[in-house]
Amino acid sequence: MPAIETVIESRGSVGTIFNCALLHKFLETRDITAAATFANAAAATSLAKPGDFTAIPTLDEVSAFYSKYSSDI
């Protein structure tokens, strides 16, 4: 799966965010490919926000990013 290009503002909790998003989407869909794509979007959203805890994206932010760029992922 290709990485999503983004401007990096913070690297704080990106691994944890990826893992949580992966689990969330997998439990919702039981589709590991969709889950990994969603987790990739969550990580990219987090990297683009400054700070550590403030860089944790909301579900709405990740969903918006995913919807906007899912055809590119």
PDB file of N, CA and C in Angstrom:
ATOM      1  N   MET A   1       0.841  -1.159   0.000  1.00  0.00           N
ATOM      2  CA  MET A   1       0.000   0.000   0.000  1.00  0.00           C
ATOM      3  C   MET A   1       0.896   1.235   0.000  1.00  0.00           C
ATOM      4  N   PRO A   2       0.673   2.149  -0.943  1.00  0.00           N
ATOM      5  CA  PRO A   2       1.512   3.348  -1.003  1.00  0.00           C
ATOM      6  C   PRO A   2       1.226   4.307   0.142  1.00  0.00           C
ATOM      7  N   ALA A   3       2.240   5.051   0.492  1.00  0.00           N
ATOM      8  CA  ALA A   3       2.076   6.076   1.522  1.00  0.00           C
ATOM      9  C   ALA A   3       1.324   7.263   0.937  1.00  0.00           C
ATOM     10  N   ILE A   4       0.709   8.039   1.794  1.00  0.00           N
ATOM     11  CA  ILE A   4       0.018   9.257   1.380  1.00  0.00           C
ATOM     12  C   ILE A   4       0.974  10.414   1.604  1.00  0.00           C
ATOM     13  N   GLU A   5       1.199  11.214   0.575  1.00  0.00           N
ATOM     14  CA  GLU A   5       2.073  12.373   0.723  1.00  0.00           C
ATOM     15  C   GLU A   5       1.370  13.439   1.548  1.00  0.00           C
ATOM     16  N   THR A   6       2.082  13.961   2.518  1.00  0.00           N
ATOM     17  CA  THR A   6       1.534  15.004   3.385  1.00  0.00           C
ATOM     18  C   THR A   6       2.676  15.827   3.960  1.00  0.00           C
ATOM     19  N   VAL A   7       2.368  17.008   4.411  1.00  0.00           N
ATOM     20  CA  VAL A   7       3.344  17.853   5.094  1.00  0.00           C
ATOM     21  C   VAL A   7       3.422  17.361   6.532  1.00  0.00           C
ATOM     22  N   ILE A   8       4.636  17.158   7.026  1.00  0.00           N
ATOM     23  CA  ILE A   8       4.798  16.634   8.380  1.00  0.00           C
ATOM     24  C   ILE A   8       4.967  17.779   9.369  1.00  0.00           C
ATOM     25  N   GLU A   9       4.009  17.882  10.276  1.00  0.00           N
ATOM     26  CA  GLU A   9       4.038  18.878  11.340  1.00  0.00           C
ATOM     27  C   GLU A   9       4.389  18.236  12.683  1.00  0.00           C
ATOM     28  N   SER A  10       4.050  16.961  12.845  1.00  0.00           N
ATOM     29  CA  SER A  10       4.251  16.272  14.116  1.00  0.00           C
ATOM     30  C   SER A  10       4.383  14.780  13.868  1.00  0.00           C
ATOM     31  N   ARG A  11       5.208  14.128  14.651  1.00  0.00           N
ATOM     32  CA  ARG A  11       5.348  12.676  14.554  1.00  0.00           C
ATOM     33  C   ARG A  11       4.965  11.994  15.851  1.00  0.00           C
ATOM     34  N   GLY A  12       4.357  12.745  16.742  1.00  0.00           N
ATOM     35  CA  GLY A  12       4.075  12.303  18.093  1.00  0.00           C
ATOM     36  C   GLY A  12       3.540  10.903  18.266  1.00  0.00           C
ATOM     37  N   SER A  13       2.316  10.682  17.945  1.00  0.00           N
ATOM     38  CA  SER A  13       1.654   9.409  18.237  1.00  0.00           C
ATOM     39  C   SER A  13       1.189   8.706  16.975  1.00  0.00           C
ATOM     40  N   VAL A  14       1.878   8.907  15.879  1.00  0.00           N
ATOM     41  CA  VAL A  14       1.397   8.422  14.589  1.00  0.00           C
ATOM     42  C   VAL A  14       1.237   6.899  14.558  1.00  0.00           C
ATOM     43  N   GLY A  15       2.117   6.165  15.196  1.00  0.00           N
ATOM     44  CA  GLY A  15       2.006   4.707  15.221  1.00  0.00           C
ATOM     45  C   GLY A  15       0.778   4.242  15.978  1.00  0.00           C
ATOM     46  N   THR A  16       0.530   4.851  17.110  1.00  0.00           N
ATOM     47  CA  THR A  16      -0.651   4.518  17.905  1.00  0.00           C
ATOM     48  C   THR A  16      -1.922   4.890  17.154  1.00  0.00           C
ATOM     49  N   ILE A  17      -1.916   6.034  16.516  1.00  0.00           N
ATOM     50  CA  ILE A  17      -3.081   6.471  15.742  1.00  0.00           C
ATOM     51  C   ILE A  17      -3.348   5.501  14.601  1.00  0.00           C
ATOM     52  N   PHE A  18      -2.301   5.084  13.896  1.00  0.00           N
ATOM     53  CA  PHE A  18      -2.461   4.112  12.811  1.00  0.00           C
ATOM     54  C   PHE A  18      -3.087   2.822  13.349  1.00  0.00           C
ATOM     55  N   ASN A  19      -2.538   2.313  14.434  1.00  0.00           N
ATOM     56  CA  ASN A  19      -3.035   1.048  14.991  1.00  0.00           C
ATOM     57  C   ASN A  19      -4.485   1.142  15.459  1.00  0.00           C
ATOM     58  N   CYS A  20      -4.835   2.238  16.115  1.00  0.00           N
ATOM     59  CA  CYS A  20      -6.209   2.409  16.579  1.00  0.00           C
ATOM     60  C   CYS A  20      -7.184   2.530  15.410  1.00  0.00           C
ATOM     61  N   ALA A  21      -6.799   3.273  14.384  1.00  0.00           N
ATOM     62  CA  ALA A  21      -7.660   3.423  13.207  1.00  0.00           C
ATOM     63  C   ALA A  21      -7.807   2.092  12.467  1.00  0.00           C
ATOM     64  N   LEU A  22      -6.734   1.336  12.393  1.00  0.00           N
ATOM     65  CA  LEU A  22      -6.771   0.015  11.749  1.00  0.00           C
ATOM     66  C   LEU A  22      -7.761  -0.894  12.478  1.00  0.00           C
ATOM     67  N   LEU A  23      -7.662  -0.939  13.782  1.00  0.00           N
ATOM     68  CA  LEU A  23      -8.558  -1.773  14.579  1.00  0.00           C
ATOM     69  C   LEU A  23     -10.009  -1.291  14.453  1.00  0.00           C
ATOM     70  N   HIS A  24     -10.213   0.006  14.541  1.00  0.00           N
ATOM     71  CA  HIS A  24     -11.560   0.568  14.438  1.00  0.00           C
ATOM     72  C   HIS A  24     -12.224   0.164  13.121  1.00  0.00           C
ATOM     73  N   LYS A  25     -11.526   0.387  12.012  1.00  0.00           N
ATOM     74  CA  LYS A  25     -12.125   0.120  10.700  1.00  0.00           C
ATOM     75  C   LYS A  25     -12.253  -1.382  10.448  1.00  0.00           C
ATOM     76  N   PHE A  26     -11.305  -2.171  10.936  1.00  0.00           N
ATOM     77  CA  PHE A  26     -11.399  -3.615  10.737  1.00  0.00           C
ATOM     78  C   PHE A  26     -12.591  -4.191  11.501  1.00  0.00           C
ATOM     79  N   LEU A  27     -12.796  -3.747  12.728  1.00  0.00           N
ATOM     80  CA  LEU A  27     -13.940  -4.230  13.501  1.00  0.00           C
ATOM     81  C   LEU A  27     -15.264  -3.790  12.872  1.00  0.00           C
ATOM     82  N   GLU A  28     -15.236  -2.637  12.219  1.00  0.00           N
ATOM     83  CA  GLU A  28     -16.435  -2.130  11.561  1.00  0.00           C
ATOM     84  C   GLU A  28     -16.739  -2.874  10.256  1.00  0.00           C
ATOM     85  N   THR A  29     -15.686  -3.186   9.480  1.00  0.00           N
ATOM     86  CA  THR A  29     -15.891  -3.726   8.123  1.00  0.00           C
ATOM     87  C   THR A  29     -15.444  -5.173   7.929  1.00  0.00           C
ATOM     88  N   ARG A  30     -14.557  -5.661   8.784  1.00  0.00           N
ATOM     89  CA  ARG A  30     -13.924  -6.976   8.612  1.00  0.00           C
ATOM     90  C   ARG A  30     -13.151  -7.077   7.291  1.00  0.00           C
ATOM     91  N   ASP A  31     -12.729  -5.931   6.771  1.00  0.00           N
ATOM     92  CA  ASP A  31     -11.970  -5.842   5.518  1.00  0.00           C
ATOM     93  C   ASP A  31     -10.607  -5.237   5.831  1.00  0.00           C
ATOM     94  N   ILE A  32      -9.559  -6.050   5.804  1.00  0.00           N
ATOM     95  CA  ILE A  32      -8.236  -5.588   6.218  1.00  0.00           C
ATOM     96  C   ILE A  32      -7.675  -4.552   5.252  1.00  0.00           C
ATOM     97  N   THR A  33      -8.005  -4.650   3.974  1.00  0.00           N
ATOM     98  CA  THR A  33      -7.514  -3.668   3.008  1.00  0.00           C
ATOM     99  C   THR A  33      -8.152  -2.309   3.265  1.00  0.00           C
ATOM    100  N   ALA A  34      -9.464  -2.283   3.460  1.00  0.00           N
ATOM    101  CA  ALA A  34     -10.143  -1.022   3.782  1.00  0.00           C
ATOM    102  C   ALA A  34      -9.635  -0.466   5.103  1.00  0.00           C
ATOM    103  N   ALA A  35      -9.391  -1.334   6.059  1.00  0.00           N
ATOM    104  CA  ALA A  35      -8.898  -0.909   7.364  1.00  0.00           C
ATOM    105  C   ALA A  35      -7.505  -0.297   7.253  1.00  0.00           C
ATOM    106  N   ALA A  36      -6.632  -0.922   6.476  1.00  0.00           N
ATOM    107  CA  ALA A  36      -5.274  -0.397   6.303  1.00  0.00           C
ATOM    108  C   ALA A  36      -5.293   0.935   5.561  1.00  0.00           C
ATOM    109  N   THR A  37      -6.166   1.064   4.585  1.00  0.00           N
ATOM    110  CA  THR A  37      -6.292   2.324   3.846  1.00  0.00           C
ATOM    111  C   THR A  37      -6.789   3.433   4.765  1.00  0.00           C
ATOM    112  N   PHE A  38      -7.789   3.115   5.583  1.00  0.00           N
ATOM    113  CA  PHE A  38      -8.316   4.087   6.542  1.00  0.00           C
ATOM    114  C   PHE A  38      -7.246   4.472   7.565  1.00  0.00           C
ATOM    115  N   ALA A  39      -6.498   3.496   8.054  1.00  0.00           N
ATOM    116  CA  ALA A  39      -5.435   3.763   9.024  1.00  0.00           C
ATOM    117  C   ALA A  39      -4.344   4.632   8.416  1.00  0.00           C
ATOM    118  N   ASN A  40      -4.049   4.402   7.148  1.00  0.00           N
ATOM    119  CA  ASN A  40      -3.075   5.227   6.442  1.00  0.00           C
ATOM    120  C   ASN A  40      -3.559   6.677   6.388  1.00  0.00           C
ATOM    121  N   ALA A  41      -4.845   6.861   6.125  1.00  0.00           N
ATOM    122  CA  ALA A  41      -5.431   8.205   6.099  1.00  0.00           C
ATOM    123  C   ALA A  41      -5.384   8.843   7.483  1.00  0.00           C
ATOM    124  N   ALA A  42      -5.638   8.058   8.515  1.00  0.00           N
ATOM    125  CA  ALA A  42      -5.585   8.578   9.886  1.00  0.00           C
ATOM    126  C   ALA A  42      -4.164   9.030  10.231  1.00  0.00           C
ATOM    127  N   ALA A  43      -3.185   8.236   9.857  1.00  0.00           N
ATOM    128  CA  ALA A  43      -1.795   8.590  10.132  1.00  0.00           C
ATOM    129  C   ALA A  43      -1.398   9.859   9.372  1.00  0.00           C
ATOM    130  N   ALA A  44      -1.798   9.954   8.111  1.00  0.00           N
ATOM    131  CA  ALA A  44      -1.479  11.143   7.318  1.00  0.00           C
ATOM    132  C   ALA A  44      -2.151  12.383   7.898  1.00  0.00           C
ATOM    133  N   THR A  45      -3.385  12.241   8.355  1.00  0.00           N
ATOM    134  CA  THR A  45      -4.099  13.354   8.969  1.00  0.00           C
ATOM    135  C   THR A  45      -3.369  13.808  10.228  1.00  0.00           C
ATOM    136  N   SER A  46      -2.901  12.857  11.016  1.00  0.00           N
ATOM    137  CA  SER A  46      -2.183  13.166  12.248  1.00  0.00           C
ATOM    138  C   SER A  46      -0.853  13.861  11.970  1.00  0.00           C
ATOM    139  N   LEU A  47      -0.127  13.374  10.977  1.00  0.00           N
ATOM    140  CA  LEU A  47       1.175  13.964  10.652  1.00  0.00           C
ATOM    141  C   LEU A  47       1.058  15.422  10.224  1.00  0.00           C
ATOM    142  N   ALA A  48      -0.069  15.778   9.620  1.00  0.00           N
ATOM    143  CA  ALA A  48      -0.256  17.129   9.102  1.00  0.00           C
ATOM    144  C   ALA A  48      -0.678  18.133  10.175  1.00  0.00           C
ATOM    145  N   LYS A  49      -0.935  17.654  11.397  1.00  0.00           N
ATOM    146  CA  LYS A  49      -1.362  18.545  12.481  1.00  0.00           C
ATOM    147  C   LYS A  49      -0.210  18.750  13.469  1.00  0.00           C
ATOM    148  N   PRO A  50      -0.006  19.979  13.938  1.00  0.00           N
ATOM    149  CA  PRO A  50       1.067  20.223  14.912  1.00  0.00           C
ATOM    150  C   PRO A  50       0.705  19.717  16.310  1.00  0.00           C
ATOM    151  N   GLY A  51       1.723  19.443  17.078  1.00  0.00           N
ATOM    152  CA  GLY A  51       1.529  19.036  18.472  1.00  0.00           C
ATOM    153  C   GLY A  51       1.509  17.538  18.642  1.00  0.00           C
ATOM    154  N   ASP A  52       1.373  17.111  19.872  1.00  0.00           N
ATOM    155  CA  ASP A  52       1.287  15.685  20.162  1.00  0.00           C
ATOM    156  C   ASP A  52      -0.166  15.278  20.331  1.00  0.00           C
ATOM    157  N   PHE A  53      -0.752  15.615  21.469  1.00  0.00           N
ATOM    158  CA  PHE A  53      -2.153  15.248  21.693  1.00  0.00           C
ATOM    159  C   PHE A  53      -3.093  16.017  20.771  1.00  0.00           C
ATOM    160  N   THR A  54      -2.719  17.239  20.423  1.00  0.00           N
ATOM    161  CA  THR A  54      -3.564  18.018  19.516  1.00  0.00           C
ATOM    162  C   THR A  54      -3.505  17.484  18.091  1.00  0.00           C
ATOM    163  N   ALA A  55      -2.533  16.631  17.795  1.00  0.00           N
ATOM    164  CA  ALA A  55      -2.414  16.040  16.457  1.00  0.00           C
ATOM    165  C   ALA A  55      -3.288  14.801  16.292  1.00  0.00           C
ATOM    166  N   ILE A  56      -3.917  14.364  17.364  1.00  0.00           N
ATOM    167  CA  ILE A  56      -4.797  13.191  17.258  1.00  0.00           C
ATOM    168  C   ILE A  56      -6.053  13.623  16.510  1.00  0.00           C
ATOM    169  N   PRO A  57      -6.288  13.041  15.323  1.00  0.00           N
ATOM    170  CA  PRO A  57      -7.443  13.476  14.537  1.00  0.00           C
ATOM    171  C   PRO A  57      -8.753  12.892  15.060  1.00  0.00           C
ATOM    172  N   THR A  58      -9.813  13.616  14.821  1.00  0.00           N
ATOM    173  CA  THR A  58     -11.139  13.092  15.156  1.00  0.00           C
ATOM    174  C   THR A  58     -11.576  12.131  14.050  1.00  0.00           C
ATOM    175  N   LEU A  59     -12.578  11.337  14.345  1.00  0.00           N
ATOM    176  CA  LEU A  59     -13.114  10.427  13.335  1.00  0.00           C
ATOM    177  C   LEU A  59     -13.645  11.213  12.137  1.00  0.00           C
ATOM    178  N   ASP A  60     -14.261  12.353  12.387  1.00  0.00           N
ATOM    179  CA  ASP A  60     -14.766  13.192  11.292  1.00  0.00           C
ATOM    180  C   ASP A  60     -13.637  13.705  10.406  1.00  0.00           C
ATOM    181  N   GLU A  61     -12.514  14.109  11.009  1.00  0.00           N
ATOM    182  CA  GLU A  61     -11.368  14.583  10.228  1.00  0.00           C
ATOM    183  C   GLU A  61     -10.792  13.472   9.361  1.00  0.00           C
ATOM    184  N   VAL A  62     -10.648  12.291   9.931  1.00  0.00           N
ATOM    185  CA  VAL A  62     -10.110  11.164   9.170  1.00  0.00           C
ATOM    186  C   VAL A  62     -11.072  10.768   8.057  1.00  0.00           C
ATOM    187  N   SER A  63     -12.352  10.722   8.364  1.00  0.00           N
ATOM    188  CA  SER A  63     -13.351  10.360   7.356  1.00  0.00           C
ATOM    189  C   SER A  63     -13.355  11.360   6.207  1.00  0.00           C
ATOM    190  N   ALA A  64     -13.242  12.638   6.512  1.00  0.00           N
ATOM    191  CA  ALA A  64     -13.198  13.665   5.467  1.00  0.00           C
ATOM    192  C   ALA A  64     -11.950  13.509   4.606  1.00  0.00           C
ATOM    193  N   PHE A  65     -10.804  13.289   5.237  1.00  0.00           N
ATOM    194  CA  PHE A  65      -9.558  13.082   4.501  1.00  0.00           C
ATOM    195  C   PHE A  65      -9.661  11.833   3.637  1.00  0.00           C
ATOM    196  N   TYR A  66     -10.169  10.765   4.212  1.00  0.00           N
ATOM    197  CA  TYR A  66     -10.319   9.488   3.514  1.00  0.00           C
ATOM    198  C   TYR A  66     -11.230   9.651   2.299  1.00  0.00           C
ATOM    199  N   SER A  67     -12.339  10.346   2.459  1.00  0.00           N
ATOM    200  CA  SER A  67     -13.288  10.560   1.364  1.00  0.00           C
ATOM    201  C   SER A  67     -12.663  11.397   0.259  1.00  0.00           C
ATOM    202  N   LYS A  68     -11.902  12.400   0.643  1.00  0.00           N
ATOM    203  CA  LYS A  68     -11.301  13.299  -0.338  1.00  0.00           C
ATOM    204  C   LYS A  68     -10.190  12.617  -1.141  1.00  0.00           C
ATOM    205  N   TYR A  69      -9.403  11.770  -0.497  1.00  0.00           N
ATOM    206  CA  TYR A  69      -8.240  11.188  -1.128  1.00  0.00           C
ATOM    207  C   TYR A  69      -8.322   9.690  -1.374  1.00  0.00           C
ATOM    208  N   SER A  70      -9.448   9.051  -1.068  1.00  0.00           N
ATOM    209  CA  SER A  70      -9.511   7.595  -1.163  1.00  0.00           C
ATOM    210  C   SER A  70      -9.271   7.083  -2.583  1.00  0.00           C
ATOM    211  N   SER A  71      -9.605   7.857  -3.582  1.00  0.00           N
ATOM    212  CA  SER A  71      -9.359   7.409  -4.948  1.00  0.00           C
ATOM    213  C   SER A  71      -7.860   7.460  -5.286  1.00  0.00           C
ATOM    214  N   ASP A  72      -7.091   8.258  -4.527  1.00  0.00           N
ATOM    215  CA  ASP A  72      -5.653   8.356  -4.738  1.00  0.00           C
ATOM    216  C   ASP A  72      -4.876   7.331  -3.928  1.00  0.00           C
ATOM    217  N   ILE A  73      -5.518   6.711  -2.971  1.00  0.00           N
ATOM    218  CA  ILE A  73      -4.831   5.789  -2.055  1.00  0.00           C
ATOM    219  C   ILE A  73      -4.790   4.407  -2.674  1.00  0.00           C
TER     220      ILE A  73
END
